[in-house]
Amino acid sequence: MKLVADLHTHTLASAHAYSTVTENTLQAEKAGLKMLAVTDHGPQMEDSPHLWHHHNYKALPRIINNVFVLRGIEADIIDNNGRLDIDGDTCSKLDWIIASYHWGSGSEREFTNSYVKALENPDICCLGHTDSISFPYDIKEVCRACHSFGKAMELNVARIRDTGNTHAYEFYRRMLEICAEEEAFIVVNTDSHFWSTIGSFEPAEKLLDEIGFPEELILNVDEGRIRQLVSRRCGKNIFE
């Protein structure tokens, strides 16, 4: 198995991250990646960049250091109805949108409904790091919705890289088993906050091998699968 893209990465525009786009793409090229998504945080995060950061993505070349750059965001889910912290104007300027919970309260049923509603949103490409014990949800129901809407569940490498985080490891094992049952796509992302971990997928690859997860359900094994999802989301082919 060869992963060709890392679709959840941060730059120093998110003030708790420490690298530039150039540094990240250099590492992506070194790791043999074809694509990299720049997904700095949406405006609800305390240290997020100004919205102009996302609105001015046109300043970035599409290809940097031989890597195709997807203009993205990690948007916050800001309520229990799957609503994001960005509006339609911002969405229209982006290629790749991750929807993540970072704060909030509610019941398992409320979080489940919220994730399903987020997946219904045609702008969203995947759900980010859904392993947090603070936001419990019905994995089967959400994975089934993920399949229905052609979106992806994230296998977040940063969460399982710490060998002491047994909850995340066991959570993702269970999530992967259910994704396989429901034929829901996953996307393996590093959630890198420093350039050195870009394209470093080893902990996730080990877990995928352990359970024999089908490669045909891994979005970023195939460049064509990413292009198809992004082109459908954008309503145009941005890769020409």
Protein backbone atom coordinates (compact mmCIF):
# COMPACT_ATOMS: atom_id res chain seq x y z
CA MET A 1 0.00 0.00 0.00
CA LYS A 2 1.31 3.43 -0.98
CA LEU A 3 -0.44 6.57 0.23
CA VAL A 4 -0.15 9.40 -2.28
CA ALA A 5 -1.57 12.36 -0.33
CA ASP A 6 -1.64 13.91 3.12
CA LEU A 7 -4.91 15.81 3.42
CA HIS A 8 -4.79 17.26 6.94
CA THR A 9 -1.79 19.51 7.60
CA HIS A 10 -1.21 22.82 9.34
CA THR A 11 1.16 25.72 8.77
CA LEU A 12 2.33 28.45 11.09
CA ALA A 13 -0.78 30.39 10.06
CA SER A 14 -2.39 28.23 12.75
CA ALA A 15 -0.34 29.64 15.59
CA HIS A 16 0.05 26.29 17.38
CA ALA A 17 1.78 24.89 14.26
CA TYR A 18 5.34 25.71 13.28
CA SER A 19 6.12 25.26 9.56
CA THR A 20 5.57 27.03 6.26
CA VAL A 21 3.80 25.79 3.14
CA THR A 22 7.20 25.54 1.45
CA GLU A 23 8.64 23.40 4.26
CA ASN A 24 5.57 21.15 4.23
CA THR A 25 5.63 20.64 0.47
CA LEU A 26 9.37 19.94 0.50
CA GLN A 27 8.77 17.15 3.01
CA ALA A 28 5.77 15.92 1.01
CA GLU A 29 7.96 15.66 -2.08
CA LYS A 30 10.63 13.82 -0.08
CA ALA A 31 7.97 11.40 1.18
CA GLY A 32 6.86 10.70 -2.39
CA LEU A 33 3.45 12.34 -2.08
CA LYS A 34 1.54 13.66 -5.08
CA MET A 35 -0.85 15.92 -3.16
CA LEU A 36 -0.93 17.94 0.05
CA ALA A 37 -3.91 19.73 1.57
CA VAL A 38 -3.20 22.89 3.55
CA THR A 39 -5.90 22.83 6.22
CA ASP A 40 -5.34 25.58 8.74
CA HIS A 41 -8.07 26.16 11.28
CA GLY A 42 -11.34 27.97 10.79
CA PRO A 43 -12.14 31.23 12.60
CA GLN A 44 -13.65 29.75 15.78
CA MET A 45 -10.31 28.36 16.93
CA GLU A 46 -8.62 30.76 19.33
CA ASP A 47 -5.37 31.00 17.35
CA SER A 48 -6.79 30.58 13.86
CA PRO A 49 -5.66 32.76 10.95
CA HIS A 50 -7.80 35.60 9.67
CA LEU A 51 -10.29 34.53 7.01
CA TRP A 52 -8.20 36.45 4.49
CA HIS A 53 -5.68 33.62 4.83
CA HIS A 54 -8.22 31.24 3.28
CA HIS A 55 -9.70 33.79 0.87
CA ASN A 56 -6.29 34.57 -0.61
CA TYR A 57 -5.30 30.99 -1.47
CA LYS A 58 -5.16 32.06 -5.11
CA ALA A 59 -1.75 33.48 -4.25
CA LEU A 60 -0.44 29.94 -3.82
CA PRO A 61 0.75 28.08 -6.93
CA ARG A 62 -1.19 24.90 -7.57
CA ILE A 63 2.03 22.92 -7.66
CA ILE A 64 4.82 23.60 -5.16
CA ASN A 65 7.93 21.41 -5.05
CA ASN A 66 6.26 18.97 -7.48
CA VAL A 67 3.31 18.48 -5.13
CA PHE A 68 -0.26 19.49 -6.01
CA VAL A 69 -1.57 21.76 -3.26
CA LEU A 70 -5.22 21.53 -2.24
CA ARG A 71 -6.53 24.74 -0.71
CA GLY A 72 -8.27 23.60 2.42
CA ILE A 73 -9.45 24.25 5.93
CA GLU A 74 -10.16 22.37 9.12
CA ALA A 75 -13.49 23.95 9.93
CA ASP A 76 -15.03 23.76 13.37
CA ILE A 77 -18.43 22.16 13.93
CA ILE A 78 -19.91 24.85 16.13
CA ASP A 79 -23.22 23.35 17.28
CA ASN A 80 -25.06 20.05 17.41
CA ASN A 81 -26.64 20.57 14.00
CA GLY A 82 -23.43 20.06 12.04
CA ARG A 83 -23.04 23.77 11.30
CA LEU A 84 -19.55 25.04 10.45
CA ASP A 85 -17.70 28.20 11.44
CA ILE A 86 -17.37 29.27 7.78
CA ASP A 87 -19.93 30.62 5.35
CA GLY A 88 -20.68 29.79 1.74
CA ASP A 89 -18.38 32.51 0.40
CA THR A 90 -15.41 30.98 2.20
CA CYS A 91 -16.41 27.46 1.12
CA SER A 92 -16.45 28.59 -2.51
CA LYS A 93 -12.75 29.47 -2.28
CA LEU A 94 -11.69 26.07 -0.97
CA ASP A 95 -10.99 22.65 -2.47
CA TRP A 96 -10.93 20.46 0.62
CA ILE A 97 -12.94 20.95 3.82
CA ILE A 98 -12.50 18.90 6.99
CA ALA A 99 -15.22 19.18 9.64
CA SER A 100 -14.03 18.64 13.22
CA TYR A 101 -15.27 19.06 16.75
CA HIS A 102 -12.85 20.88 19.06
CA TRP A 103 -15.29 22.05 21.71
CA GLY A 104 -18.96 21.70 22.64
CA SER A 105 -21.27 19.57 24.75
CA GLY A 106 -24.09 17.17 24.10
CA SER A 107 -25.28 13.59 24.19
CA GLU A 108 -24.21 10.68 21.99
CA ARG A 109 -27.45 11.08 20.02
CA GLU A 110 -26.83 14.81 19.50
CA PHE A 111 -23.26 14.29 18.31
CA THR A 112 -24.36 11.46 16.02
CA ASN A 113 -27.05 13.61 14.44
CA SER A 114 -24.59 16.48 14.10
CA TYR A 115 -22.00 14.36 12.29
CA VAL A 116 -24.68 13.01 9.95
CA LYS A 117 -25.89 16.53 9.17
CA ALA A 118 -22.31 17.64 8.55
CA LEU A 119 -21.86 14.79 6.07
CA GLU A 120 -25.03 15.89 4.28
CA ASN A 121 -23.34 19.23 3.61
CA PRO A 122 -22.02 19.06 0.02
CA ASP A 123 -19.04 21.25 0.95
CA ILE A 124 -17.59 18.82 3.49
CA CYS A 125 -15.08 16.19 2.32
CA CYS A 126 -14.34 14.33 5.54
CA LEU A 127 -14.80 14.28 9.29
CA GLY A 128 -11.65 14.98 11.29
CA HIS A 129 -10.31 13.12 14.37
CA THR A 130 -13.63 11.72 15.60
CA ASP A 131 -11.90 9.72 18.35
CA SER A 132 -12.33 12.23 21.18
CA ILE A 133 -14.11 10.89 24.25
CA SER A 134 -15.65 14.36 24.63
CA PHE A 135 -17.79 13.85 21.53
CA PRO A 136 -19.24 10.30 21.64
CA TYR A 137 -21.31 9.11 18.69
CA ASP A 138 -22.81 6.03 17.06
CA ILE A 139 -19.98 4.93 14.79
CA LYS A 140 -22.10 2.62 12.66
CA GLU A 141 -24.72 5.28 11.94
CA VAL A 142 -22.12 7.89 11.00
CA CYS A 143 -20.11 5.46 8.85
CA ARG A 144 -23.30 4.48 7.07
CA ALA A 145 -23.98 8.18 6.35
CA CYS A 146 -20.39 8.56 5.19
CA HIS A 147 -20.97 5.80 2.64
CA SER A 148 -24.30 7.28 1.56
CA PHE A 149 -22.85 10.72 0.87
CA GLY A 150 -19.52 9.56 -0.59
CA LYS A 151 -17.45 11.25 2.12
CA ALA A 152 -14.52 9.96 4.22
CA MET A 153 -13.83 9.19 7.87
CA GLU A 154 -10.37 10.26 8.99
CA LEU A 155 -7.80 7.89 10.44
CA ASN A 156 -5.74 10.49 12.28
CA VAL A 157 -2.11 9.42 12.60
CA ALA A 158 -1.26 12.07 15.20
CA ARG A 159 -3.79 10.57 17.60
CA ILE A 160 -2.29 7.07 17.47
CA ARG A 161 1.39 8.02 17.14
CA ASP A 162 1.53 8.39 20.92
CA THR A 163 1.74 4.76 22.05
CA GLY A 164 0.23 5.76 25.39
CA ASN A 165 -3.04 6.78 23.75
CA THR A 166 -4.66 3.36 23.87
CA HIS A 167 -8.16 4.84 23.60
CA ALA A 168 -7.47 6.35 20.19
CA TYR A 169 -5.84 3.17 18.91
CA GLU A 170 -8.75 0.99 19.98
CA PHE A 171 -11.27 3.55 18.76
CA TYR A 172 -9.76 3.62 15.28
CA ARG A 173 -9.55 -0.16 15.17
CA ARG A 174 -13.30 -0.30 15.83
CA MET A 175 -14.02 2.55 13.40
CA LEU A 176 -12.07 0.81 10.63
CA GLU A 177 -13.92 -2.45 11.20
CA ILE A 178 -17.24 -0.63 10.86
CA CYS A 179 -16.08 1.37 7.82
CA ALA A 180 -15.19 -1.92 6.14
CA GLU A 181 -18.62 -3.35 6.99
CA GLU A 182 -20.44 -0.25 5.74
CA GLU A 183 -18.10 0.24 2.75
CA ALA A 184 -17.29 3.77 3.89
CA PHE A 185 -14.17 5.54 2.67
CA ILE A 186 -11.41 6.47 5.07
CA VAL A 187 -8.60 8.97 4.56
CA VAL A 188 -5.28 8.54 6.39
CA ASN A 189 -3.96 11.94 7.50
CA THR A 190 -1.07 13.00 9.70
CA ASP A 191 -2.66 16.19 11.09
CA SER A 192 0.90 17.52 11.02
CA HIS A 193 1.78 20.64 12.96
CA PHE A 194 5.47 20.47 11.99
CA TRP A 195 6.96 19.55 8.63
CA SER A 196 8.83 16.45 9.82
CA THR A 197 5.67 14.34 10.19
CA ILE A 198 4.22 15.11 6.73
CA GLY A 199 3.68 11.79 4.96
CA SER A 200 4.73 9.76 8.00
CA PHE A 201 1.86 7.28 8.03
CA GLU A 202 3.53 4.26 9.67
CA PRO A 203 1.35 3.86 12.81
CA ALA A 204 -1.80 3.97 10.69
CA GLU A 205 -0.39 1.61 8.07
CA LYS A 206 0.41 -0.90 10.80
CA LEU A 207 -3.16 -0.75 12.10
CA LEU A 208 -4.62 -1.09 8.59
CA ASP A 209 -2.46 -4.14 7.97
CA GLU A 210 -3.43 -5.71 11.29
CA ILE A 211 -7.13 -5.71 10.45
CA GLY A 212 -6.73 -6.26 6.71
CA PHE A 213 -8.59 -3.09 5.77
CA PRO A 214 -9.53 -3.08 2.06
CA GLU A 215 -7.40 -0.73 -0.03
CA GLU A 216 -10.35 0.13 -2.27
CA LEU A 217 -11.86 2.04 0.67
CA ILE A 218 -8.74 4.12 1.38
CA LEU A 219 -9.24 7.43 -0.39
CA ASN A 220 -5.62 8.53 -0.51
CA VAL A 221 -4.25 5.33 -1.99
CA ASP A 222 -5.52 6.51 -5.36
CA GLU A 223 -4.97 9.99 -6.78
CA GLY A 224 -8.00 9.51 -9.01
CA ARG A 225 -10.33 8.97 -6.05
CA ILE A 226 -9.23 12.27 -4.52
CA ARG A 227 -9.63 14.09 -7.82
CA GLN A 228 -13.14 12.70 -8.22
CA LEU A 229 -14.27 13.71 -4.73
CA VAL A 230 -12.72 17.18 -4.95
CA SER A 231 -14.07 17.82 -8.46
CA ARG A 232 -17.57 16.82 -7.32
CA ARG A 233 -17.28 19.09 -4.27
CA CYS A 234 -15.99 22.07 -6.29
CA GLY A 235 -18.31 21.53 -9.23
CA LYS A 236 -15.34 21.76 -11.59
CA ASN A 237 -12.04 20.06 -12.40
CA ILE A 238 -9.34 22.03 -10.61
CA PHE A 239 -6.62 19.62 -11.77
CA GLU A 240 -6.46 20.67 -15.42
